[in-house]
C-alpha atoms as a PDB file:
ATOM      1  CA  MET A   1      50.668  47.029 119.465  1.00  0.00           C
ATOM      2  CA  GLU A   2      50.806  43.307 118.826  1.00  0.00           C
ATOM      3  CA  PRO A   3      53.097  42.003 116.699  1.00  0.00           C
ATOM      4  CA  ILE A   4      51.224  40.840 113.585  1.00  0.00           C
ATOM      5  CA  TYR A   5      50.526  45.183 113.635  1.00  0.00           C
ATOM      6  CA  ILE A   6      54.294  45.635 114.021  1.00  0.00           C
ATOM      7  CA  ASN A   7      55.395  43.185 111.649  1.00  0.00           C
ATOM      8  CA  SER A   8      53.405  43.920 108.593  1.00  0.00           C
ATOM      9  CA  ALA A   9      54.075  47.769 108.759  1.00  0.00           C
ATOM     10  CA  ILE A  10      58.126  46.531 108.824  1.00  0.00           C
ATOM     11  CA  ALA A  11      57.028  44.216 105.520  1.00  0.00           C
ATOM     12  CA  ALA A  12      55.367  46.731 103.768  1.00  0.00           C
ATOM     13  CA  LEU A  13      58.302  49.723 104.185  1.00  0.00           C
ATOM     14  CA  GLY A  14      60.676  46.621 103.432  1.00  0.00           C
ATOM     15  CA  TYR A  15      58.863  46.302 100.473  1.00  0.00           C
ATOM     16  CA  ALA A  16      58.661  49.682  98.776  1.00  0.00           C
ATOM     17  CA  ILE A  17      62.169  49.995  99.047  1.00  0.00           C
ATOM     18  CA  ALA A  18      63.260  46.814  97.474  1.00  0.00           C
ATOM     19  CA  ALA A  19      60.918  47.533  94.594  1.00  0.00           C
ATOM     20  CA  THR A  20      62.406  50.502  94.025  1.00  0.00           C
ATOM     21  CA  LEU A  21      66.089  49.689  94.032  1.00  0.00           C
ATOM     22  CA  SER A  22      65.005  46.520  91.978  1.00  0.00           C
ATOM     23  CA  LYS A  23      63.626  49.623  89.461  1.00  0.00           C
ATOM     24  CA  HIS A  24      67.022  50.988  89.806  1.00  0.00           C
ATOM     25  CA  ALA A  25      69.013  47.901  89.285  1.00  0.00           C
ATOM     26  CA  LEU A  26      66.550  46.726  85.946  1.00  0.00           C
ATOM     27  CA  ALA A  27      67.777  50.602  84.762  1.00  0.00           C
ATOM     28  CA  GLN A  28      71.497  49.718  85.479  1.00  0.00           C
ATOM     29  CA  GLY A  29      70.956  46.866  83.144  1.00  0.00           C
ATOM     30  CA  ALA A  30      70.052  43.890  85.624  1.00  0.00           C
ATOM     31  CA  GLY A  31      67.344  42.306  82.898  1.00  0.00           C
ATOM     32  CA  ILE A  32      64.483  41.328  84.566  1.00  0.00           C
ATOM     33  CA  LEU A  33      65.067  37.383  84.605  1.00  0.00           C
ATOM     34  CA  ARG A  34      68.544  37.190  86.350  1.00  0.00           C
ATOM     35  CA  LEU A  35      67.157  39.979  88.879  1.00  0.00           C
ATOM     36  CA  SER A  36      64.537  37.390  89.478  1.00  0.00           C
ATOM     37  CA  PHE A  37      66.598  34.464  89.904  1.00  0.00           C
ATOM     38  CA  VAL A  38      69.607  36.256  91.925  1.00  0.00           C
ATOM     39  CA  ALA A  39      66.818  37.338  93.938  1.00  0.00           C
ATOM     40  CA  ASN A  40      65.127  34.060  94.383  1.00  0.00           C
ATOM     41  CA  TRP A  41      68.012  31.965  95.798  1.00  0.00           C
ATOM     42  CA  LEU A  42      68.715  34.856  97.903  1.00  0.00           C
ATOM     43  CA  PHE A  43      65.606  33.987  99.732  1.00  0.00           C
ATOM     44  CA  LEU A  44      67.125  30.669 100.342  1.00  0.00           C
ATOM     45  CA  PRO A  45      69.747  31.444 102.591  1.00  0.00           C
ATOM     46  CA  VAL A  46      68.001  33.966 104.664  1.00  0.00           C
ATOM     47  CA  PHE A  47      64.773  31.743 105.047  1.00  0.00           C
ATOM     48  CA  ALA A  48      67.078  29.309 106.412  1.00  0.00           C
ATOM     49  CA  LEU A  49      67.481  30.640 109.430  1.00  0.00           C
ATOM     50  CA  LEU A  50      64.225  29.699 110.249  1.00  0.00           C
ATOM     51  CA  LEU A  51      65.658  26.219 110.907  1.00  0.00           C
ATOM     52  CA  ILE A  52      67.552  27.000 113.274  1.00  0.00           C
ATOM     53  CA  GLY A  53      66.961  25.383 116.551  1.00  0.00           C
ATOM     54  CA  HIS A  54      64.264  23.420 114.457  1.00  0.00           C
ATOM     55  CA  GLU A  55      64.152  20.173 114.278  1.00  0.00           C
ATOM     56  CA  PHE A  56      63.811  19.377 109.891  1.00  0.00           C
ATOM     57  CA  SER A  57      60.927  16.716 109.566  1.00  0.00           C
ATOM     58  CA  PHE A  58      57.276  17.315 108.220  1.00  0.00           C
ATOM     59  CA  PRO A  59      54.813  14.454 107.632  1.00  0.00           C
ATOM     60  CA  LEU A  60      54.517  13.383 103.868  1.00  0.00           C
ATOM     61  CA  SER A  61      51.047  13.363 103.425  1.00  0.00           C
ATOM     62  CA  TYR A  62      51.277  16.897 103.615  1.00  0.00           C
ATOM     63  CA  ILE A  63      54.234  18.269 101.759  1.00  0.00           C
ATOM     64  CA  GLY A  64      51.718  18.581  98.132  1.00  0.00           C
ATOM     65  CA  PHE A  65      50.622  21.900 100.306  1.00  0.00           C
ATOM     66  CA  PRO A  66      54.317  23.371 100.622  1.00  0.00           C
ATOM     67  CA  LEU A  67      54.985  22.232  96.870  1.00  0.00           C
ATOM     68  CA  LEU A  68      52.235  24.025  95.772  1.00  0.00           C
ATOM     69  CA  THR A  69      52.969  27.004  97.767  1.00  0.00           C
ATOM     70  CA  GLY A  70      55.764  27.903  96.623  1.00  0.00           C
ATOM     71  CA  LEU A  71      54.466  27.477  92.928  1.00  0.00           C
ATOM     72  CA  PHE A  72      52.206  30.192  93.801  1.00  0.00           C
ATOM     73  CA  PHE A  73      55.189  32.001  94.921  1.00  0.00           C
ATOM     74  CA  PHE A  74      57.331  32.037  92.036  1.00  0.00           C
ATOM     75  CA  LEU A  75      54.314  32.728  89.858  1.00  0.00           C
ATOM     76  CA  GLY A  76      53.408  35.555  92.258  1.00  0.00           C
ATOM     77  CA  GLN A  77      56.946  36.710  92.069  1.00  0.00           C
ATOM     78  CA  MET A  78      57.579  36.435  87.839  1.00  0.00           C
ATOM     79  CA  PHE A  79      54.689  39.101  87.808  1.00  0.00           C
ATOM     80  CA  THR A  80      55.771  40.960  90.366  1.00  0.00           C
ATOM     81  CA  PHE A  81      58.746  41.683  88.539  1.00  0.00           C
ATOM     82  CA  ALA A  82      57.326  41.954  85.017  1.00  0.00           C
ATOM     83  CA  ALA A  83      54.765  44.554  86.460  1.00  0.00           C
ATOM     84  CA  ILE A  84      58.317  46.218  88.627  1.00  0.00           C
ATOM     85  CA  ARG A  85      59.768  46.052  84.856  1.00  0.00           C
ATOM     86  CA  LEU A  86      56.754  47.818  82.548  1.00  0.00           C
ATOM     87  CA  GLY A  87      55.908  50.783  84.618  1.00  0.00           C
ATOM     88  CA  ASP A  88      56.872  52.639  87.962  1.00  0.00           C
ATOM     89  CA  ILE A  89      56.629  51.448  90.741  1.00  0.00           C
ATOM     90  CA  SER A  90      53.794  54.462  92.128  1.00  0.00           C
ATOM     91  CA  LEU A  91      51.556  52.202  89.648  1.00  0.00           C
ATOM     92  CA  GLN A  92      52.536  49.016  90.323  1.00  0.00           C
ATOM     93  CA  THR A  93      53.200  48.633  93.962  1.00  0.00           C
ATOM     94  CA  PRO A  94      49.426  50.147  94.884  1.00  0.00           C
ATOM     95  CA  VAL A  95      48.162  48.249  92.461  1.00  0.00           C
ATOM     96  CA  MET A  96      49.116  45.188  94.596  1.00  0.00           C
ATOM     97  CA  GLY A  97      47.249  46.562  97.731  1.00  0.00           C
ATOM     98  CA  THR A  98      44.456  44.341  95.482  1.00  0.00           C
ATOM     99  CA  LYS A  99      46.356  41.297  97.312  1.00  0.00           C
ATOM    100  CA  THR A 100      43.633  41.788 100.331  1.00  0.00           C
ATOM    101  CA  VAL A 101      40.469  41.769  98.177  1.00  0.00           C
ATOM    102  CA  PHE A 102      41.437  38.637  96.497  1.00  0.00           C
ATOM    103  CA  VAL A 103      42.463  37.181  99.898  1.00  0.00           C
ATOM    104  CA  VAL A 104      39.209  37.299 100.954  1.00  0.00           C
ATOM    105  CA  LEU A 105      37.598  35.923  97.940  1.00  0.00           C
ATOM    106  CA  ILE A 106      39.469  33.037  98.351  1.00  0.00           C
ATOM    107  CA  ALA A 107      38.177  32.506 101.844  1.00  0.00           C
ATOM    108  CA  LEU A 108      34.985  33.501 100.600  1.00  0.00           C
ATOM    109  CA  ALA A 109      35.628  30.264  98.255  1.00  0.00           C
ATOM    110  CA  LEU A 110      36.512  28.137 100.734  1.00  0.00           C
ATOM    111  CA  GLY A 111      33.351  29.214 102.818  1.00  0.00           C
ATOM    112  CA  THR A 112      35.866  30.365 105.468  1.00  0.00           C
ATOM    113  CA  GLU A 113      34.115  33.882 106.152  1.00  0.00           C
ATOM    114  CA  PRO A 114      30.906  35.000 105.413  1.00  0.00           C
ATOM    115  CA  ILE A 115      29.465  37.836 102.198  1.00  0.00           C
ATOM    116  CA  SER A 116      29.117  41.175 104.290  1.00  0.00           C
ATOM    117  CA  LYS A 117      28.452  44.168 102.670  1.00  0.00           C
ATOM    118  CA  SER A 118      31.317  45.636 103.893  1.00  0.00           C
ATOM    119  CA  ILE A 119      33.260  43.881 101.883  1.00  0.00           C
ATOM    120  CA  ILE A 120      31.074  44.396  98.559  1.00  0.00           C
ATOM    121  CA  LEU A 121      32.208  48.108  99.389  1.00  0.00           C
ATOM    122  CA  ALA A 122      36.030  47.322  99.715  1.00  0.00           C
ATOM    123  CA  ALA A 123      35.734  45.844  96.590  1.00  0.00           C
ATOM    124  CA  VAL A 124      34.275  49.113  94.858  1.00  0.00           C
ATOM    125  CA  VAL A 125      36.099  50.898  96.151  1.00  0.00           C
ATOM    126  CA  SER A 126      39.527  49.349  95.084  1.00  0.00           C
ATOM    127  CA  MET A 127      37.820  49.078  91.119  1.00  0.00           C
ATOM    128  CA  PHE A 128      37.678  52.997  91.777  1.00  0.00           C
ATOM    129  CA  GLY A 129      41.217  53.129  93.539  1.00  0.00           C
ATOM    130  CA  VAL A 130      42.513  50.930  90.506  1.00  0.00           C
ATOM    131  CA  ALA A 131      40.939  52.687  87.599  1.00  0.00           C
ATOM    132  CA  LEU A 132      42.063  55.701  89.113  1.00  0.00           C
ATOM    133  CA  LEU A 133      45.519  54.793  88.903  1.00  0.00           C
ATOM    134  CA  GLY A 134      45.492  53.253  85.460  1.00  0.00           C
ATOM    135  CA  PHE A 135      44.044  56.997  83.929  1.00  0.00           C
ATOM    136  CA  SER A 136      47.218  58.348  85.643  1.00  0.00           C
ATOM    137  CA  GLY A 137      48.711  58.384  82.491  1.00  0.00           C
ATOM    138  CA  GLY A 138      51.920  56.020  81.313  1.00  0.00           C
ATOM    139  CA  GLY A 139      50.084  55.435  77.932  1.00  0.00           C
ATOM    140  CA  ALA A 140      47.098  52.812  77.709  1.00  0.00           C
ATOM    141  CA  ARG A 141      49.258  49.806  76.434  1.00  0.00           C
ATOM    142  CA  ARG A 142      51.935  50.145  79.303  1.00  0.00           C
ATOM    143  CA  VAL A 143      49.541  50.836  82.158  1.00  0.00           C
ATOM    144  CA  GLY A 144      47.249  48.445  81.412  1.00  0.00           C
ATOM    145  CA  MET A 145      49.014  45.834  80.936  1.00  0.00           C
ATOM    146  CA  THR A 146      50.771  47.104  83.761  1.00  0.00           C
ATOM    147  CA  LEU A 147      48.122  46.869  86.108  1.00  0.00           C
ATOM    148  CA  CYS A 148      47.390  43.054  84.372  1.00  0.00           C
ATOM    149  CA  LEU A 149      50.456  41.714  85.474  1.00  0.00           C
ATOM    150  CA  ALA A 150      50.222  43.314  89.025  1.00  0.00           C
ATOM    151  CA  LEU A 151      47.171  42.254  89.818  1.00  0.00           C
ATOM    152  CA  LEU A 152      47.690  38.304  88.672  1.00  0.00           C
ATOM    153  CA  SER A 153      51.127  39.164  90.905  1.00  0.00           C
ATOM    154  CA  SER A 154      48.492  39.807  94.156  1.00  0.00           C
ATOM    155  CA  LEU A 155      46.244  37.129  92.804  1.00  0.00           C
ATOM    156  CA  PHE A 156      49.142  34.192  93.345  1.00  0.00           C
ATOM    157  CA  PHE A 157      51.033  36.260  96.576  1.00  0.00           C
ATOM    158  CA  ALA A 158      47.329  35.978  98.037  1.00  0.00           C
ATOM    159  CA  ALA A 159      47.134  32.121  97.434  1.00  0.00           C
ATOM    160  CA  THR A 160      50.454  31.643  99.256  1.00  0.00           C
ATOM    161  CA  ASP A 161      49.343  33.785 101.784  1.00  0.00           C
ATOM    162  CA  MET A 162      46.179  31.570 102.494  1.00  0.00           C
ATOM    163  CA  MET A 163      47.725  28.454 101.925  1.00  0.00           C
ATOM    164  CA  VAL A 164      51.183  29.546 104.425  1.00  0.00           C
ATOM    165  CA  SER A 165      48.459  31.007 107.175  1.00  0.00           C
ATOM    166  CA  ALA A 166      46.095  27.587 106.556  1.00  0.00           C
ATOM    167  CA  TYR A 167      48.586  25.068 106.857  1.00  0.00           C
ATOM    168  CA  GLY A 168      51.789  26.399 108.027  1.00  0.00           C
ATOM    169  CA  SER A 169      51.133  25.493 112.122  1.00  0.00           C
ATOM    170  CA  GLN A 170      49.593  22.476 111.076  1.00  0.00           C
ATOM    171  CA  PHE A 171      52.391  21.083 109.210  1.00  0.00           C
ATOM    172  CA  ASN A 172      55.478  22.726 110.841  1.00  0.00           C
ATOM    173  CA  ALA A 173      55.583  26.500 110.155  1.00  0.00           C
ATOM    174  CA  SER A 174      59.226  26.983 109.742  1.00  0.00           C
ATOM    175  CA  VAL A 175      60.067  23.646 107.578  1.00  0.00           C
ATOM    176  CA  PHE A 176      57.147  24.835 105.840  1.00  0.00           C
ATOM    177  CA  ILE A 177      57.750  28.089 104.387  1.00  0.00           C
ATOM    178  CA  PHE A 178      61.673  26.923 103.813  1.00  0.00           C
ATOM    179  CA  ILE A 179      60.066  24.411 102.098  1.00  0.00           C
ATOM    180  CA  VAL A 180      58.068  26.867  99.756  1.00  0.00           C
ATOM    181  CA  ILE A 181      60.804  29.254  99.310  1.00  0.00           C
ATOM    182  CA  LEU A 182      63.517  25.958  98.512  1.00  0.00           C
ATOM    183  CA  VAL A 183      60.771  24.791  95.223  1.00  0.00           C
ATOM    184  CA  ASN A 184      60.182  28.655  94.348  1.00  0.00           C
ATOM    185  CA  ALA A 185      64.176  28.967  94.373  1.00  0.00           C
ATOM    186  CA  VAL A 186      64.607  25.781  91.742  1.00  0.00           C
ATOM    187  CA  LEU A 187      61.611  26.987  89.810  1.00  0.00           C
ATOM    188  CA  SER A 188      63.933  29.882  88.963  1.00  0.00           C
ATOM    189  CA  LEU A 189      66.699  27.183  87.098  1.00  0.00           C
ATOM    190  CA  LEU A 190      63.814  27.407  84.203  1.00  0.00           C
ATOM    191  CA  LEU A 191      64.522  30.962  83.726  1.00  0.00           C
ATOM    192  CA  VAL A 192      68.046  30.622  83.374  1.00  0.00           C
ATOM    193  CA  PRO A 193      67.856  29.111  79.412  1.00  0.00           C
ATOM    194  CA  PHE A 194      66.344  32.464  79.230  1.00  0.00           C
ATOM    195  CA  PHE A 195      68.220  34.639  79.907  1.00  0.00           C
ATOM    196  CA  ASP A 196      69.231  37.848  76.822  1.00  0.00           C
ATOM    197  CA  GLU A 197      72.628  37.095  78.111  1.00  0.00           C
ATOM    198  CA  PRO A 198      74.328  34.951  81.181  1.00  0.00           C
ATOM    199  CA  LEU A 199      74.489  35.713  84.901  1.00  0.00           C
ATOM    200  CA  ILE A 200      78.088  36.616  84.587  1.00  0.00           C
ATOM    201  CA  LYS A 201      77.925  39.326  82.368  1.00  0.00           C
ATOM    202  CA  MET A 202      74.955  41.550  83.789  1.00  0.00           C
ATOM    203  CA  PRO A 203      76.766  44.900  84.696  1.00  0.00           C
ATOM    204  CA  LYS A 204      78.892  45.494  87.453  1.00  0.00           C
ATOM    205  CA  ALA A 205      76.541  48.429  88.285  1.00  0.00           C
ATOM    206  CA  ALA A 206      73.724  46.518  88.703  1.00  0.00           C
ATOM    207  CA  TRP A 207      74.685  44.166  91.539  1.00  0.00           C
ATOM    208  CA  THR A 208      75.133  46.291  94.033  1.00  0.00           C
ATOM    209  CA  TRP A 209      71.359  47.262  93.734  1.00  0.00           C
ATOM    210  CA  VAL A 210      70.530  43.286  92.991  1.00  0.00           C
ATOM    211  CA  LEU A 211      72.191  42.313  95.799  1.00  0.00           C
ATOM    212  CA  VAL A 212      70.772  44.857  97.762  1.00  0.00           C
ATOM    213  CA  ALA A 213      67.293  44.764  96.445  1.00  0.00           C
ATOM    214  CA  GLY A 214      67.392  40.906  97.249  1.00  0.00           C
ATOM    215  CA  VAL A 215      68.369  40.587 100.271  1.00  0.00           C
ATOM    216  CA  ILE A 216      65.801  43.449 101.413  1.00  0.00           C
ATOM    217  CA  MET A 217      63.139  41.450  99.403  1.00  0.00           C
ATOM    218  CA  ALA A 218      64.021  38.434 101.042  1.00  0.00           C
ATOM    219  CA  ALA A 219      64.290  39.884 104.684  1.00  0.00           C
ATOM    220  CA  GLN A 220      60.496  41.535 104.119  1.00  0.00           C
ATOM    221  CA  ALA A 221      58.735  37.799 102.918  1.00  0.00           C
ATOM    222  CA  LEU A 222      60.300  35.975 105.528  1.00  0.00           C
ATOM    223  CA  LEU A 223      58.537  38.466 108.236  1.00  0.00           C
ATOM    224  CA  LEU A 224      56.267  38.494 106.187  1.00  0.00           C
ATOM    225  CA  ASN A 225      55.743  34.294 105.858  1.00  0.00           C
ATOM    226  CA  TYR A 226      57.196  34.033 109.703  1.00  0.00           C
ATOM    227  CA  THR A 227      53.527  36.170 110.983  1.00  0.00           C
ATOM    228  CA  LEU A 228      51.084  34.631 108.383  1.00  0.00           C
ATOM    229  CA  ALA A 229      52.257  31.085 109.839  1.00  0.00           C
ATOM    230  CA  HIS A 230      52.124  32.076 113.601  1.00  0.00           C
ATOM    231  CA  TYR A 231      49.070  34.557 113.753  1.00  0.00           C
ATOM    232  CA  GLN A 232      47.069  32.902 110.884  1.00  0.00           C
ATOM    233  CA  ASN A 233      44.966  36.045 109.855  1.00  0.00           C
ATOM    234  CA  ALA A 234      45.719  36.723 106.470  1.00  0.00           C
ATOM    235  CA  ALA A 235      43.488  39.525 106.566  1.00  0.00           C
ATOM    236  CA  VAL A 236      44.365  41.068 109.899  1.00  0.00           C
ATOM    237  CA  PHE A 237      48.050  41.555 108.159  1.00  0.00           C
ATOM    238  CA  ASN A 238      47.296  42.093 104.532  1.00  0.00           C
ATOM    239  CA  VAL A 239      44.936  45.395 105.874  1.00  0.00           C
ATOM    240  CA  VAL A 240      48.701  46.670 107.250  1.00  0.00           C
ATOM    241  CA  TYR A 241      50.657  45.146 104.496  1.00  0.00           C
ATOM    242  CA  SER A 242      48.270  47.316 102.329  1.00  0.00           C
ATOM    243  CA  THR A 243      50.686  50.360 103.184  1.00  0.00           C
ATOM    244  CA  ARG A 244      53.126  49.874 100.759  1.00  0.00           C
ATOM    245  CA  GLY A 245      51.386  51.599  98.094  1.00  0.00           C
ATOM    246  CA  LEU A 246      51.581  54.463 100.244  1.00  0.00           C
ATOM    247  CA  TRP A 247      55.095  53.884 101.226  1.00  0.00           C
ATOM    248  CA  SER A 248      55.949  53.737  97.511  1.00  0.00           C
ATOM    249  CA  VAL A 249      53.747  56.642  96.505  1.00  0.00           C
ATOM    250  CA  VAL A 250      56.448  58.609  99.278  1.00  0.00           C
ATOM    251  CA  ILE A 251      59.202  57.024  98.055  1.00  0.00           C
ATOM    252  CA  GLY A 252      59.149  57.849  95.014  1.00  0.00           C
ATOM    253  CA  VAL A 253      58.267  61.607  95.534  1.00  0.00           C
ATOM    254  CA  ALA A 254      60.700  61.896  97.823  1.00  0.00           C
ATOM    255  CA  LEU A 255      63.557  60.486  95.599  1.00  0.00           C
ATOM    256  CA  ALA A 256      62.164  63.038  92.847  1.00  0.00           C
ATOM    257  CA  TYR A 257      62.908  66.069  95.210  1.00  0.00           C
ATOM    258  CA  PHE A 258      66.067  64.910  96.252  1.00  0.00           C
ATOM    259  CA  LEU A 259      67.316  64.269  93.338  1.00  0.00           C
ATOM    260  CA  ARG A 260      66.484  67.029  91.571  1.00  0.00           C
ATOM    261  CA  MET A 261      64.506  65.191  88.559  1.00  0.00           C
ATOM    262  CA  PRO A 262      63.309  67.306  85.863  1.00  0.00           C
ATOM    263  CA  THR A 263      59.303  67.425  86.045  1.00  0.00           C
ATOM    264  CA  LYS A 264      57.288  67.339  82.292  1.00  0.00           C
ATOM    265  CA  LYS A 265      53.846  69.164  82.487  1.00  0.00           C
ATOM    266  CA  GLY A 266      51.041  67.194  84.747  1.00  0.00           C
ATOM    267  CA  ASP A 267      53.342  65.445  86.431  1.00  0.00           C
ATOM    268  CA  GLY A 268      51.861  67.075  89.395  1.00  0.00           C
ATOM    269  CA  ARG A 269      48.173  66.241  88.537  1.00  0.00           C
ATOM    270  CA  LEU A 270      49.731  62.250  87.930  1.00  0.00           C
ATOM    271  CA  TRP A 271      51.168  62.269  91.332  1.00  0.00           C
ATOM    272  CA  VAL A 272      48.252  63.675  93.002  1.00  0.00           C
ATOM    273  CA  MET A 273      45.610  61.365  91.254  1.00  0.00           C
ATOM    274  CA  ARG A 274      48.108  58.422  92.188  1.00  0.00           C
ATOM    275  CA  LEU A 275      48.473  59.142  95.772  1.00  0.00           C
ATOM    276  CA  THR A 276      44.348  59.268  95.639  1.00  0.00           C
ATOM    277  CA  GLY A 277      44.729  55.510  94.043  1.00  0.00           C
ATOM    278  CA  ALA A 278      46.592  54.906  96.484  1.00  0.00           C
ATOM    279  CA  LEU A 279      44.934  56.060  99.487  1.00  0.00           C
ATOM    280  CA  MET A 280      41.413  54.885  97.777  1.00  0.00           C
ATOM    281  CA  MET A 281      42.996  51.242  98.014  1.00  0.00           C
ATOM    282  CA  CYS A 282      43.848  51.720 101.204  1.00  0.00           C
ATOM    283  CA  ALA A 283      40.625  52.658 101.962  1.00  0.00           C
ATOM    284  CA  ALA A 284      38.640  50.146 100.606  1.00  0.00           C
ATOM    285  CA  ILE A 285      41.491  47.486 102.803  1.00  0.00           C
ATOM    286  CA  LEU A 286      40.586  49.076 106.092  1.00  0.00           C
ATOM    287  CA  ILE A 287      36.673  48.412 104.854  1.00  0.00           C
ATOM    288  CA  LEU A 288      37.029  45.385 104.834  1.00  0.00           C
ATOM    289  CA  GLN A 289      37.813  45.160 109.059  1.00  0.00           C
ATOM    290  CA  PHE A 290      34.398  46.655 109.584  1.00  0.00           C
END
């Protein structure tokens, strides 16, 4: 099996775990902005590993590309954490599977891929998958807002993937990616004035979950960006990476079972609908390959 498939599968599982831990950190009082701030700065030392053995040099004429990509990544991160905060992971993460559709649409807009029947079919199947997730419960306003935030997150991350895939190797892949993460960390300083309370007042119970979630999120993002820059095939990567939606549902069901969480009437139907929606979104991504 080619490394691109193995890497994307590992990254998908890592994202689902990190998202679940992030939700728990928020439940412990971490706060959405403080969680995002800490996670963004944890990305920096993790991504610095890319620079080991590499000369930190880059053509100034290309500097605009990693700077813009860093902005896209920052916006994607913000919308991701906002979606996690407003909804549960079994709803938010499967919707993130639309990122692959956005990747294809952006590629089409740039003229790098032709429009085919499979792309149209994938878009329709994905749309029904999102609709099924949206009608799976949680209140119209809450679900609708979560879907919108998750879709915006997918769009900005799709733009990030395309930028890394298209310009990473031309620029110097390791340096390009590190600059993207550096820009993301610096931009996160804009969040500080909006904290409900200073970072030092974050509950001790939340710190462990924040740090573990941030490191795992950073590790999967490192694997994601490294693979995109070196294999330059964003569509194929995202086909496998979209399985994070299934992983999130599986993890949610497993936690509910092992922790003996109480269930409400109709929860069984809700989980079936969400699992079906997640499967439809994965099917939509696979259709893109035919």
